[in-house]
N, C-alpha and C. Protein backbone atom coordinates (compact mmCIF):
# COMPACT_ATOMS: atom_id res chain seq x y z
N UNK A 1 102.51 2.01 22.12
CA UNK A 1 103.63 2.80 22.61
C UNK A 1 104.94 2.16 22.18
N UNK A 2 105.86 2.96 21.64
CA UNK A 2 107.12 2.43 21.15
C UNK A 2 107.99 1.94 22.31
N UNK A 3 108.72 0.84 22.09
CA UNK A 3 109.59 0.33 23.15
C UNK A 3 110.77 1.28 23.41
N UNK A 4 111.31 1.21 24.60
CA UNK A 4 112.51 1.98 24.93
C UNK A 4 113.70 1.31 24.23
N UNK A 5 114.40 2.08 23.40
CA UNK A 5 115.52 1.57 22.62
C UNK A 5 116.81 1.81 23.41
N UNK A 6 117.61 0.75 23.59
CA UNK A 6 118.73 0.79 24.53
C UNK A 6 120.04 0.43 23.86
N UNK A 7 121.08 1.19 24.19
CA UNK A 7 122.45 0.88 23.82
C UNK A 7 123.18 0.39 25.07
N UNK A 8 123.90 -0.72 24.94
CA UNK A 8 124.70 -1.25 26.05
C UNK A 8 126.17 -1.13 25.68
N UNK A 9 126.98 -0.52 26.55
CA UNK A 9 128.41 -0.40 26.30
C UNK A 9 129.18 -0.90 27.52
N UNK A 10 129.92 -1.98 27.33
CA UNK A 10 130.75 -2.56 28.39
C UNK A 10 131.83 -3.37 27.69
N UNK A 11 133.04 -3.36 28.24
CA UNK A 11 134.13 -4.05 27.56
C UNK A 11 134.14 -5.56 27.83
N UNK A 12 133.20 -6.05 28.64
CA UNK A 12 133.09 -7.48 28.88
C UNK A 12 131.83 -8.03 28.21
N UNK A 13 132.03 -8.95 27.27
CA UNK A 13 130.90 -9.50 26.51
C UNK A 13 129.90 -10.20 27.42
N UNK A 14 130.39 -10.84 28.48
CA UNK A 14 129.48 -11.57 29.38
C UNK A 14 128.54 -10.60 30.10
N UNK A 15 129.05 -9.39 30.40
CA UNK A 15 128.19 -8.38 31.04
C UNK A 15 127.14 -7.89 30.05
N UNK A 16 127.57 -7.62 28.80
CA UNK A 16 126.62 -7.18 27.78
C UNK A 16 125.55 -8.23 27.54
N UNK A 17 125.96 -9.49 27.49
CA UNK A 17 124.99 -10.57 27.27
C UNK A 17 123.97 -10.63 28.41
N UNK A 18 124.46 -10.49 29.64
CA UNK A 18 123.57 -10.54 30.79
C UNK A 18 122.58 -9.39 30.81
N UNK A 19 123.08 -8.18 30.48
CA UNK A 19 122.20 -7.01 30.44
C UNK A 19 121.17 -7.14 29.33
N UNK A 20 121.60 -7.61 28.17
CA UNK A 20 120.66 -7.79 27.06
C UNK A 20 119.56 -8.78 27.45
N UNK A 21 119.95 -9.91 28.03
CA UNK A 21 118.96 -10.92 28.42
C UNK A 21 117.98 -10.35 29.45
N UNK A 22 118.50 -9.60 30.42
CA UNK A 22 117.63 -9.03 31.45
C UNK A 22 116.67 -8.00 30.86
N UNK A 23 117.20 -7.10 30.04
CA UNK A 23 116.38 -6.00 29.52
C UNK A 23 115.35 -6.47 28.50
N UNK A 24 115.73 -7.44 27.68
CA UNK A 24 114.79 -7.88 26.65
C UNK A 24 113.69 -8.78 27.20
N UNK A 25 113.81 -9.15 28.48
CA UNK A 25 112.69 -9.84 29.14
C UNK A 25 111.67 -8.84 29.67
N UNK A 26 112.04 -7.56 29.68
CA UNK A 26 111.13 -6.54 30.18
C UNK A 26 110.17 -6.10 29.08
N UNK A 27 108.94 -5.88 29.46
CA UNK A 27 107.97 -5.40 28.49
C UNK A 27 108.32 -3.96 28.09
N UNK A 28 108.31 -3.71 26.79
CA UNK A 28 108.54 -2.35 26.31
C UNK A 28 109.99 -1.94 26.25
N UNK A 29 110.92 -2.89 26.19
CA UNK A 29 112.34 -2.56 26.06
C UNK A 29 112.98 -3.41 24.98
N UNK A 30 113.91 -2.80 24.22
CA UNK A 30 114.65 -3.54 23.22
C UNK A 30 116.07 -3.00 23.14
N UNK A 31 117.04 -3.88 23.03
CA UNK A 31 118.44 -3.49 22.89
C UNK A 31 118.73 -3.34 21.40
N UNK A 32 119.12 -2.14 20.98
CA UNK A 32 119.33 -1.88 19.55
C UNK A 32 120.80 -1.89 19.15
N UNK A 33 121.71 -1.82 20.15
CA UNK A 33 123.14 -1.80 19.81
C UNK A 33 123.98 -2.14 21.03
N UNK A 34 125.18 -2.64 20.75
CA UNK A 34 126.17 -2.92 21.80
C UNK A 34 127.51 -2.32 21.40
N UNK A 35 128.34 -2.05 22.40
CA UNK A 35 129.68 -1.54 22.15
C UNK A 35 130.62 -2.07 23.22
N UNK A 36 131.87 -2.33 22.83
CA UNK A 36 132.85 -2.85 23.76
C UNK A 36 133.82 -1.83 24.29
N UNK A 37 133.69 -0.58 23.83
CA UNK A 37 134.55 0.50 24.34
C UNK A 37 133.84 1.83 24.15
N UNK A 38 134.42 2.88 24.73
CA UNK A 38 133.77 4.18 24.69
C UNK A 38 133.66 4.78 23.31
N UNK A 39 134.69 4.59 22.50
CA UNK A 39 134.65 5.15 21.14
C UNK A 39 133.56 4.50 20.30
N UNK A 40 133.43 3.18 20.44
CA UNK A 40 132.37 2.46 19.72
C UNK A 40 131.00 2.88 20.23
N UNK A 41 130.91 3.18 21.52
CA UNK A 41 129.64 3.65 22.09
C UNK A 41 129.21 4.95 21.44
N UNK A 42 130.16 5.86 21.22
CA UNK A 42 129.85 7.12 20.52
C UNK A 42 129.30 6.84 19.13
N UNK A 43 129.96 5.93 18.42
CA UNK A 43 129.54 5.59 17.06
C UNK A 43 128.14 4.98 17.05
N UNK A 44 127.90 4.05 17.97
CA UNK A 44 126.59 3.38 18.03
C UNK A 44 125.48 4.35 18.45
N UNK A 45 125.81 5.28 19.33
CA UNK A 45 124.82 6.28 19.76
C UNK A 45 124.42 7.17 18.59
N UNK A 46 125.40 7.56 17.79
CA UNK A 46 125.12 8.41 16.63
C UNK A 46 124.34 7.66 15.56
N UNK A 47 124.65 6.38 15.37
CA UNK A 47 124.01 5.58 14.33
C UNK A 47 122.58 5.19 14.70
N UNK A 48 122.38 4.75 15.95
CA UNK A 48 121.10 4.17 16.34
C UNK A 48 120.20 5.13 17.13
N UNK A 49 120.75 6.21 17.64
CA UNK A 49 119.99 7.19 18.42
C UNK A 49 119.06 6.51 19.44
N UNK A 50 119.64 5.79 20.39
CA UNK A 50 118.82 5.09 21.38
C UNK A 50 118.14 6.07 22.33
N UNK A 51 117.14 5.58 23.02
CA UNK A 51 116.51 6.39 24.07
C UNK A 51 117.37 6.42 25.33
N UNK A 52 118.04 5.30 25.59
CA UNK A 52 118.87 5.16 26.79
C UNK A 52 120.17 4.47 26.43
N UNK A 53 121.28 4.95 27.00
CA UNK A 53 122.57 4.29 26.86
C UNK A 53 123.07 3.88 28.24
N UNK A 54 123.36 2.60 28.40
CA UNK A 54 123.96 2.09 29.63
C UNK A 54 125.46 1.99 29.38
N UNK A 55 126.24 2.77 30.13
CA UNK A 55 127.68 2.85 29.88
C UNK A 55 128.48 2.39 31.09
N UNK A 56 129.40 1.46 30.86
CA UNK A 56 130.33 1.08 31.91
C UNK A 56 131.28 2.26 32.16
N UNK A 57 131.55 2.56 33.42
CA UNK A 57 132.43 3.68 33.75
C UNK A 57 133.84 3.44 33.21
N UNK A 58 134.38 2.25 33.41
CA UNK A 58 135.77 1.96 33.05
C UNK A 58 135.81 1.13 31.77
N UNK A 59 136.02 1.81 30.64
CA UNK A 59 136.16 1.13 29.36
C UNK A 59 137.46 1.56 28.71
N UNK A 60 138.07 0.70 27.89
CA UNK A 60 139.32 1.07 27.22
C UNK A 60 139.09 2.13 26.15
N UNK A 61 140.14 2.87 25.86
CA UNK A 61 140.09 3.87 24.80
C UNK A 61 139.45 5.16 25.26
N UNK A 62 138.21 5.08 25.63
CA UNK A 62 137.46 6.25 26.09
C UNK A 62 136.56 5.79 27.24
N UNK A 63 136.77 6.36 28.43
CA UNK A 63 135.98 5.89 29.58
C UNK A 63 134.52 6.29 29.44
N UNK A 64 133.68 5.62 30.23
CA UNK A 64 132.24 5.83 30.12
C UNK A 64 131.80 7.23 30.46
N UNK A 65 132.48 7.89 31.40
CA UNK A 65 132.08 9.24 31.79
C UNK A 65 132.33 10.22 30.65
N UNK A 66 133.49 10.11 30.00
CA UNK A 66 133.77 10.99 28.86
C UNK A 66 132.87 10.64 27.68
N UNK A 67 132.59 9.35 27.50
CA UNK A 67 131.66 8.95 26.43
C UNK A 67 130.29 9.55 26.68
N UNK A 68 129.83 9.54 27.93
CA UNK A 68 128.53 10.13 28.26
C UNK A 68 128.51 11.61 27.91
N UNK A 69 129.57 12.30 28.28
CA UNK A 69 129.65 13.74 28.01
C UNK A 69 129.55 14.02 26.50
N UNK A 70 130.25 13.23 25.71
CA UNK A 70 130.27 13.45 24.26
C UNK A 70 128.95 13.03 23.61
N UNK A 71 128.37 11.94 24.09
CA UNK A 71 127.08 11.51 23.55
C UNK A 71 126.02 12.59 23.78
N UNK A 72 125.99 13.13 24.98
CA UNK A 72 124.98 14.14 25.31
C UNK A 72 125.24 15.46 24.59
N UNK A 73 126.50 15.76 24.29
CA UNK A 73 126.80 16.97 23.53
C UNK A 73 126.21 16.87 22.13
N UNK A 74 126.18 15.65 21.59
CA UNK A 74 125.62 15.44 20.24
C UNK A 74 124.12 15.21 20.26
N UNK A 75 123.63 14.56 21.33
CA UNK A 75 122.21 14.24 21.40
C UNK A 75 121.75 14.27 22.86
N UNK A 76 121.38 15.41 23.38
CA UNK A 76 120.99 15.53 24.79
C UNK A 76 119.70 14.78 25.14
N UNK A 77 119.00 14.26 24.15
CA UNK A 77 117.76 13.52 24.40
C UNK A 77 118.03 12.14 24.98
N UNK A 78 119.24 11.61 24.76
CA UNK A 78 119.56 10.26 25.22
C UNK A 78 119.73 10.25 26.74
N UNK A 79 119.05 9.32 27.41
CA UNK A 79 119.20 9.17 28.85
C UNK A 79 120.38 8.26 29.16
N UNK A 80 121.29 8.72 29.98
CA UNK A 80 122.50 7.96 30.29
C UNK A 80 122.40 7.31 31.67
N UNK A 81 122.69 6.02 31.71
CA UNK A 81 122.79 5.29 32.98
C UNK A 81 124.21 4.73 33.06
N UNK A 82 124.94 5.10 34.12
CA UNK A 82 126.29 4.60 34.30
C UNK A 82 126.26 3.30 35.09
N UNK A 83 127.18 2.40 34.75
CA UNK A 83 127.28 1.10 35.41
C UNK A 83 128.73 0.92 35.86
N UNK A 84 128.93 0.54 37.12
CA UNK A 84 130.31 0.47 37.62
C UNK A 84 130.45 -0.57 38.72
N UNK A 85 131.69 -1.02 38.91
CA UNK A 85 132.01 -1.87 40.05
C UNK A 85 132.33 -1.03 41.28
N UNK A 86 132.51 0.29 41.07
CA UNK A 86 133.07 1.15 42.12
C UNK A 86 132.03 2.07 42.75
N UNK A 87 131.90 1.99 44.07
CA UNK A 87 131.09 2.95 44.81
C UNK A 87 132.03 4.03 45.34
N UNK A 88 132.43 4.90 44.45
CA UNK A 88 133.41 5.92 44.77
C UNK A 88 132.80 7.28 44.46
N UNK A 89 132.89 8.21 45.43
CA UNK A 89 132.23 9.50 45.22
C UNK A 89 132.74 10.23 43.99
N UNK A 90 134.02 10.03 43.64
CA UNK A 90 134.57 10.70 42.47
C UNK A 90 133.86 10.25 41.19
N UNK A 91 133.73 8.91 41.01
CA UNK A 91 133.05 8.39 39.83
C UNK A 91 131.59 8.84 39.80
N UNK A 92 130.94 8.78 40.95
CA UNK A 92 129.51 9.13 41.01
C UNK A 92 129.31 10.60 40.67
N UNK A 93 130.06 11.49 41.31
CA UNK A 93 129.88 12.93 41.07
C UNK A 93 130.26 13.31 39.64
N UNK A 94 131.33 12.72 39.13
CA UNK A 94 131.73 13.01 37.74
C UNK A 94 130.68 12.53 36.75
N UNK A 95 130.06 11.38 37.06
CA UNK A 95 129.03 10.85 36.17
C UNK A 95 127.83 11.78 36.09
N UNK A 96 127.35 12.23 37.25
CA UNK A 96 126.20 13.13 37.24
C UNK A 96 126.56 14.49 36.65
N UNK A 97 127.79 14.95 36.88
CA UNK A 97 128.21 16.22 36.28
C UNK A 97 128.26 16.10 34.76
N UNK A 98 128.57 14.91 34.26
CA UNK A 98 128.61 14.68 32.81
C UNK A 98 127.21 14.60 32.21
N UNK A 99 126.18 14.46 33.08
CA UNK A 99 124.81 14.45 32.58
C UNK A 99 124.08 13.13 32.74
N UNK A 100 124.69 12.17 33.41
CA UNK A 100 124.03 10.87 33.61
C UNK A 100 122.77 11.03 34.47
N UNK A 101 121.78 10.21 34.19
CA UNK A 101 120.54 10.21 34.97
C UNK A 101 120.59 9.21 36.12
N UNK A 102 121.44 8.19 35.97
CA UNK A 102 121.52 7.17 37.01
C UNK A 102 122.91 6.59 37.12
N UNK A 103 123.18 5.97 38.26
CA UNK A 103 124.47 5.31 38.51
C UNK A 103 124.17 4.01 39.24
N UNK A 104 124.52 2.89 38.60
CA UNK A 104 124.24 1.57 39.16
C UNK A 104 125.53 0.82 39.45
N UNK A 105 125.50 0.01 40.51
CA UNK A 105 126.62 -0.86 40.83
C UNK A 105 126.39 -2.23 40.21
N UNK A 106 127.46 -2.82 39.68
CA UNK A 106 127.32 -4.11 39.02
C UNK A 106 126.88 -5.22 39.97
N UNK A 107 127.16 -5.04 41.25
CA UNK A 107 126.72 -6.05 42.20
C UNK A 107 125.44 -5.63 42.93
N UNK A 108 124.75 -4.63 42.38
CA UNK A 108 123.50 -4.17 42.97
C UNK A 108 122.32 -5.04 42.54
N UNK A 109 121.13 -4.73 43.06
CA UNK A 109 119.93 -5.51 42.71
C UNK A 109 119.62 -5.46 41.22
N UNK A 110 119.30 -6.60 40.64
CA UNK A 110 119.01 -6.65 39.20
C UNK A 110 117.82 -5.77 38.82
N UNK A 111 116.84 -5.68 39.74
CA UNK A 111 115.64 -4.92 39.42
C UNK A 111 115.92 -3.42 39.28
N UNK A 112 117.06 -2.96 39.78
CA UNK A 112 117.41 -1.55 39.63
C UNK A 112 117.68 -1.18 38.17
N UNK A 113 118.13 -2.17 37.38
CA UNK A 113 118.53 -1.86 36.00
C UNK A 113 117.34 -1.44 35.15
N UNK A 114 116.28 -2.25 35.03
CA UNK A 114 115.12 -1.77 34.25
C UNK A 114 114.48 -0.53 34.85
N UNK A 115 114.50 -0.41 36.18
CA UNK A 115 113.92 0.79 36.80
C UNK A 115 114.71 2.03 36.40
N UNK A 116 116.04 1.92 36.37
CA UNK A 116 116.88 3.04 35.97
C UNK A 116 116.68 3.38 34.50
N UNK A 117 116.50 2.37 33.67
CA UNK A 117 116.28 2.59 32.23
C UNK A 117 114.96 3.34 32.02
N UNK A 118 113.91 2.92 32.71
CA UNK A 118 112.62 3.60 32.57
C UNK A 118 112.71 5.06 33.02
N UNK A 119 113.40 5.28 34.14
CA UNK A 119 113.55 6.65 34.64
C UNK A 119 114.34 7.51 33.65
N UNK A 120 115.46 6.98 33.16
CA UNK A 120 116.29 7.75 32.22
C UNK A 120 115.54 8.05 30.93
N UNK A 121 114.75 7.09 30.45
CA UNK A 121 113.97 7.31 29.22
C UNK A 121 112.94 8.41 29.41
N UNK A 122 112.47 8.57 30.65
CA UNK A 122 111.49 9.62 30.96
C UNK A 122 112.16 10.93 31.38
N UNK A 123 113.50 10.94 31.39
CA UNK A 123 114.21 12.15 31.76
C UNK A 123 114.32 12.38 33.25
N UNK A 124 114.08 11.31 34.05
CA UNK A 124 114.12 11.43 35.50
C UNK A 124 115.40 10.82 36.05
N UNK A 125 115.92 11.34 37.14
CA UNK A 125 117.09 10.72 37.78
C UNK A 125 116.72 9.44 38.48
N UNK A 126 117.70 8.55 38.61
CA UNK A 126 117.50 7.30 39.36
C UNK A 126 118.70 7.08 40.25
N UNK A 127 118.47 7.14 41.55
CA UNK A 127 119.53 6.88 42.53
C UNK A 127 118.93 5.99 43.61
N UNK A 128 119.53 4.83 43.84
CA UNK A 128 118.97 3.90 44.81
C UNK A 128 120.07 3.22 45.60
N UNK A 129 119.67 2.55 46.66
CA UNK A 129 120.57 1.71 47.42
C UNK A 129 121.78 2.42 47.97
N UNK A 130 122.94 1.79 47.82
CA UNK A 130 124.18 2.31 48.40
C UNK A 130 124.61 3.63 47.78
N UNK A 131 124.25 3.86 46.52
CA UNK A 131 124.61 5.13 45.88
C UNK A 131 123.80 6.26 46.51
N UNK A 132 122.53 6.01 46.79
CA UNK A 132 121.71 7.02 47.46
C UNK A 132 122.28 7.34 48.84
N UNK A 133 122.73 6.30 49.55
CA UNK A 133 123.34 6.51 50.87
C UNK A 133 124.63 7.29 50.76
N UNK A 134 125.43 6.98 49.74
CA UNK A 134 126.70 7.69 49.53
C UNK A 134 126.45 9.17 49.31
N UNK A 135 125.46 9.51 48.51
CA UNK A 135 125.19 10.90 48.19
C UNK A 135 124.67 11.68 49.39
N UNK A 136 124.20 10.96 50.42
CA UNK A 136 123.73 11.63 51.62
C UNK A 136 124.84 11.85 52.64
N UNK A 137 126.02 11.25 52.40
CA UNK A 137 127.10 11.42 53.36
C UNK A 137 127.61 12.86 53.34
N UNK A 138 127.98 13.32 54.51
CA UNK A 138 128.35 14.73 54.68
C UNK A 138 129.47 15.16 53.75
N UNK A 139 130.51 14.34 53.62
CA UNK A 139 131.64 14.76 52.80
C UNK A 139 131.27 14.83 51.32
N UNK A 140 130.34 13.97 50.87
CA UNK A 140 129.91 14.01 49.47
C UNK A 140 129.04 15.24 49.21
N UNK A 141 128.17 15.58 50.17
CA UNK A 141 127.37 16.80 50.02
C UNK A 141 128.27 18.03 49.98
N UNK A 142 129.33 18.03 50.80
CA UNK A 142 130.26 19.16 50.79
C UNK A 142 131.00 19.24 49.46
N UNK A 143 131.41 18.09 48.93
CA UNK A 143 132.05 18.07 47.62
C UNK A 143 131.14 18.69 46.56
N UNK A 144 129.89 18.27 46.55
CA UNK A 144 128.94 18.75 45.56
C UNK A 144 128.73 20.26 45.69
N UNK A 145 128.59 20.74 46.93
CA UNK A 145 128.38 22.18 47.15
C UNK A 145 129.58 23.00 46.70
N UNK A 146 130.77 22.45 46.86
CA UNK A 146 131.99 23.17 46.50
C UNK A 146 132.43 22.93 45.06
N UNK A 147 131.67 22.12 44.34
CA UNK A 147 132.00 21.86 42.95
C UNK A 147 133.20 20.96 42.77
N UNK A 148 133.53 20.16 43.79
CA UNK A 148 134.67 19.25 43.72
C UNK A 148 134.18 17.86 43.35
N UNK A 149 135.12 16.99 42.98
CA UNK A 149 134.74 15.65 42.55
C UNK A 149 135.37 14.54 43.37
N UNK A 150 136.35 14.86 44.21
CA UNK A 150 137.06 13.84 44.95
C UNK A 150 137.27 14.31 46.38
N UNK A 151 136.97 13.45 47.35
CA UNK A 151 137.11 13.83 48.75
C UNK A 151 138.54 14.20 49.12
N UNK A 152 139.52 13.66 48.41
CA UNK A 152 140.92 14.01 48.68
C UNK A 152 141.15 15.51 48.49
N UNK A 153 140.36 16.13 47.62
CA UNK A 153 140.50 17.57 47.37
C UNK A 153 140.04 18.41 48.56
N UNK A 154 139.36 17.78 49.53
CA UNK A 154 138.92 18.51 50.72
C UNK A 154 140.07 18.74 51.70
N UNK A 155 141.14 17.98 51.56
CA UNK A 155 142.26 18.08 52.50
C UNK A 155 143.13 19.30 52.20
N UNK A 156 143.62 19.93 53.27
CA UNK A 156 144.58 21.03 53.11
C UNK A 156 145.95 20.44 52.75
N UNK A 157 146.88 21.32 52.37
CA UNK A 157 148.24 20.87 52.03
C UNK A 157 148.88 20.14 53.21
N UNK A 158 148.73 20.68 54.41
CA UNK A 158 149.30 20.06 55.59
C UNK A 158 148.65 18.71 55.88
N UNK A 159 147.34 18.63 55.70
CA UNK A 159 146.63 17.37 55.93
C UNK A 159 147.08 16.32 54.92
N UNK A 160 147.37 16.74 53.69
CA UNK A 160 147.86 15.78 52.70
C UNK A 160 149.24 15.26 53.08
N UNK A 161 150.09 16.13 53.63
CA UNK A 161 151.40 15.70 54.10
C UNK A 161 151.25 14.63 55.17
N UNK A 162 150.37 14.89 56.15
CA UNK A 162 150.15 13.93 57.22
C UNK A 162 149.51 12.66 56.69
N UNK A 163 148.56 12.79 55.79
CA UNK A 163 147.92 11.64 55.16
C UNK A 163 148.98 10.70 54.60
N UNK A 164 149.94 11.25 53.87
CA UNK A 164 151.00 10.44 53.27
C UNK A 164 151.82 9.73 54.34
N UNK A 165 152.16 10.43 55.40
CA UNK A 165 152.94 9.82 56.47
C UNK A 165 152.17 8.70 57.16
N UNK A 166 150.89 8.91 57.38
CA UNK A 166 150.07 7.90 58.05
C UNK A 166 149.94 6.63 57.21
N UNK A 167 149.74 6.77 55.92
CA UNK A 167 149.59 5.57 55.08
C UNK A 167 150.93 4.87 54.89
N UNK A 168 152.02 5.59 55.18
CA UNK A 168 153.35 4.96 55.16
C UNK A 168 153.65 4.25 56.47
N UNK A 169 152.74 4.34 57.44
CA UNK A 169 152.90 3.64 58.70
C UNK A 169 153.55 4.42 59.82
N UNK A 170 153.71 5.74 59.63
CA UNK A 170 154.32 6.56 60.67
C UNK A 170 153.37 6.72 61.85
N UNK A 171 153.93 6.71 63.06
CA UNK A 171 153.14 6.96 64.25
C UNK A 171 152.89 8.46 64.39
N UNK A 172 151.98 8.83 65.29
CA UNK A 172 151.74 10.26 65.53
C UNK A 172 153.01 10.97 65.96
N UNK A 173 153.80 10.31 66.82
CA UNK A 173 155.04 10.92 67.31
C UNK A 173 156.04 11.10 66.18
N UNK A 174 156.18 10.09 65.32
CA UNK A 174 157.11 10.18 64.18
C UNK A 174 156.66 11.27 63.21
N UNK A 175 155.36 11.34 62.97
CA UNK A 175 154.84 12.36 62.06
C UNK A 175 155.05 13.75 62.64
N UNK A 176 154.86 13.89 63.95
CA UNK A 176 155.06 15.19 64.60
C UNK A 176 156.51 15.64 64.46
N UNK A 177 157.44 14.72 64.65
CA UNK A 177 158.87 15.04 64.51
C UNK A 177 159.20 15.45 63.08
N UNK A 178 158.69 14.70 62.12
CA UNK A 178 159.00 14.97 60.72
C UNK A 178 158.40 16.30 60.25
N UNK A 179 157.21 16.63 60.75
CA UNK A 179 156.54 17.87 60.32
C UNK A 179 156.87 19.06 61.23
N UNK A 180 157.56 18.81 62.33
CA UNK A 180 157.96 19.89 63.22
C UNK A 180 156.82 20.51 63.98
N UNK A 181 155.86 19.67 64.40
CA UNK A 181 154.72 20.15 65.17
C UNK A 181 154.53 19.24 66.37
N UNK A 182 153.59 19.58 67.24
CA UNK A 182 153.33 18.76 68.43
C UNK A 182 152.46 17.57 68.07
N UNK A 183 152.49 16.55 68.95
CA UNK A 183 151.62 15.39 68.72
C UNK A 183 150.15 15.78 68.84
N UNK A 184 149.86 16.80 69.66
CA UNK A 184 148.48 17.28 69.77
C UNK A 184 147.99 17.83 68.44
N UNK A 185 148.87 18.59 67.76
CA UNK A 185 148.52 19.12 66.43
C UNK A 185 148.30 17.98 65.44
N UNK A 186 149.15 16.95 65.51
CA UNK A 186 149.00 15.80 64.63
C UNK A 186 147.66 15.11 64.89
N UNK A 187 147.30 14.95 66.14
CA UNK A 187 146.03 14.30 66.48
C UNK A 187 144.84 15.10 65.94
N UNK A 188 144.96 16.44 66.00
CA UNK A 188 143.89 17.29 65.48
C UNK A 188 143.78 17.14 63.97
N UNK A 189 144.93 17.19 63.27
CA UNK A 189 144.93 17.02 61.82
C UNK A 189 144.39 15.65 61.43
N UNK A 190 144.81 14.62 62.16
CA UNK A 190 144.37 13.25 61.86
C UNK A 190 142.86 13.14 61.99
N UNK A 191 142.30 13.73 63.05
CA UNK A 191 140.85 13.71 63.25
C UNK A 191 140.14 14.43 62.11
N UNK A 192 140.70 15.55 61.66
CA UNK A 192 140.10 16.30 60.55
C UNK A 192 140.15 15.51 59.26
N UNK A 193 141.26 14.81 59.03
CA UNK A 193 141.38 13.98 57.82
C UNK A 193 140.32 12.89 57.81
N UNK A 194 140.19 12.19 58.93
CA UNK A 194 139.20 11.11 59.00
C UNK A 194 137.79 11.64 58.82
N UNK A 195 137.49 12.79 59.41
CA UNK A 195 136.16 13.38 59.27
C UNK A 195 135.88 13.77 57.83
N UNK A 196 136.84 14.44 57.18
CA UNK A 196 136.63 14.91 55.80
C UNK A 196 136.47 13.76 54.82
N UNK A 197 137.16 12.65 55.10
CA UNK A 197 137.10 11.51 54.19
C UNK A 197 136.05 10.48 54.61
N UNK A 198 135.34 10.79 55.71
CA UNK A 198 134.31 9.89 56.24
C UNK A 198 134.88 8.51 56.54
N UNK A 199 136.05 8.51 57.22
CA UNK A 199 136.72 7.28 57.61
C UNK A 199 136.81 7.22 59.13
N UNK A 200 137.29 6.08 59.65
CA UNK A 200 137.27 5.90 61.10
C UNK A 200 138.59 5.46 61.71
N UNK A 201 139.55 5.04 60.89
CA UNK A 201 140.80 4.53 61.44
C UNK A 201 141.92 4.65 60.42
N UNK A 202 143.15 4.41 60.87
CA UNK A 202 144.29 4.41 59.97
C UNK A 202 144.16 3.29 58.94
N UNK A 203 143.61 2.15 59.37
CA UNK A 203 143.39 1.06 58.42
C UNK A 203 142.45 1.50 57.31
N UNK A 204 141.41 2.26 57.66
CA UNK A 204 140.50 2.81 56.65
C UNK A 204 141.24 3.74 55.70
N UNK A 205 142.18 4.54 56.25
CA UNK A 205 142.97 5.45 55.42
C UNK A 205 143.77 4.69 54.37
N UNK A 206 144.36 3.58 54.79
CA UNK A 206 145.17 2.78 53.87
C UNK A 206 144.30 2.19 52.76
N UNK A 207 143.13 1.66 53.14
CA UNK A 207 142.22 1.12 52.14
C UNK A 207 141.76 2.22 51.17
N UNK A 208 141.49 3.41 51.71
CA UNK A 208 141.10 4.56 50.89
C UNK A 208 142.21 4.88 49.89
N UNK A 209 143.47 4.91 50.38
CA UNK A 209 144.60 5.24 49.51
C UNK A 209 144.76 4.21 48.40
N UNK A 210 144.53 2.94 48.71
CA UNK A 210 144.61 1.90 47.68
C UNK A 210 143.50 2.08 46.66
N UNK A 211 142.28 2.35 47.16
CA UNK A 211 141.14 2.54 46.27
C UNK A 211 141.34 3.73 45.34
N UNK A 212 141.96 4.78 45.86
CA UNK A 212 142.20 5.99 45.06
C UNK A 212 143.49 5.89 44.24
N UNK A 213 144.17 4.74 44.37
CA UNK A 213 145.44 4.52 43.66
C UNK A 213 146.51 5.52 44.07
N UNK A 214 146.44 5.94 45.34
CA UNK A 214 147.48 6.82 45.88
C UNK A 214 148.67 5.99 46.35
N UNK A 215 148.44 4.71 46.62
CA UNK A 215 149.51 3.77 46.90
C UNK A 215 149.16 2.46 46.20
N UNK A 216 150.16 1.63 45.99
CA UNK A 216 149.95 0.32 45.38
C UNK A 216 150.06 -0.73 46.46
N UNK A 217 149.06 -1.61 46.61
CA UNK A 217 149.14 -2.63 47.65
C UNK A 217 150.27 -3.60 47.38
N UNK A 218 150.96 -4.03 48.44
CA UNK A 218 152.03 -5.00 48.29
C UNK A 218 151.43 -6.37 48.09
N UNK A 219 152.09 -7.20 47.29
CA UNK A 219 151.59 -8.53 46.99
C UNK A 219 152.09 -9.52 48.04
C-alpha cells in the first residue's frame, strides 16, 4: 500500500521540522513537500499532488484558509487539515466551509496529527478535543445554521452599540443614558449579548473583543 504523501505549510521552520519528524515516524506516511507561505503551498500542491496538505491558518501572503480553497478548486482529491493557535469559531467555520477535513490546535495532543492525516487521506472529517466541544456550543451551531462565520454577526445593531460601550468600561447606567433607554433595557441587551457570544461577564467581553481585534489591549 502506497504511503500517504503529505505537504506541510507553516511560516515557522521549527513547526515544519517538528511536524515532519512526527509524521515520518508514522508507518505509511511521508512528507513530500514544505512551504513557508500560502502562495508557496499552492505551488507545492500543484507540483507534488499530495494526498494531504497540513496548512497553518495564519500565513503571510496568502492565509491558510484561502490557500485551502484554491488548492481544492484545482485538486479536490487533496485532504486538507488546518493547523492553528486559535480556537476561534470564525477560523473553524471558515476552514470547514473552505473544504478542510480537520482543524487542529498547535497546543493540542500530538497523536491528533497523524489521526487527522489518516482521516483526511480517506476523505473523512476529523474533529477532536476542544474543537469538537466548540462546535457543540449553541452559538456556533446557530452560526452554522444561519450560514454565518463569526459570533459577532449574531448581534443586532443595538447590541453592537452596547457591546462597544461595555468594552469601553461604561456602566449600565452610563450606557442607558448614552443610548436613551432604561437600565432594565440595558440589562436585557447585555444578557442577550453574553448569551449569543457564549460569555459570562464583562471581563469575558473585553477578552473576546481583544481576540477578535475589535480593540487593542493597552501595554
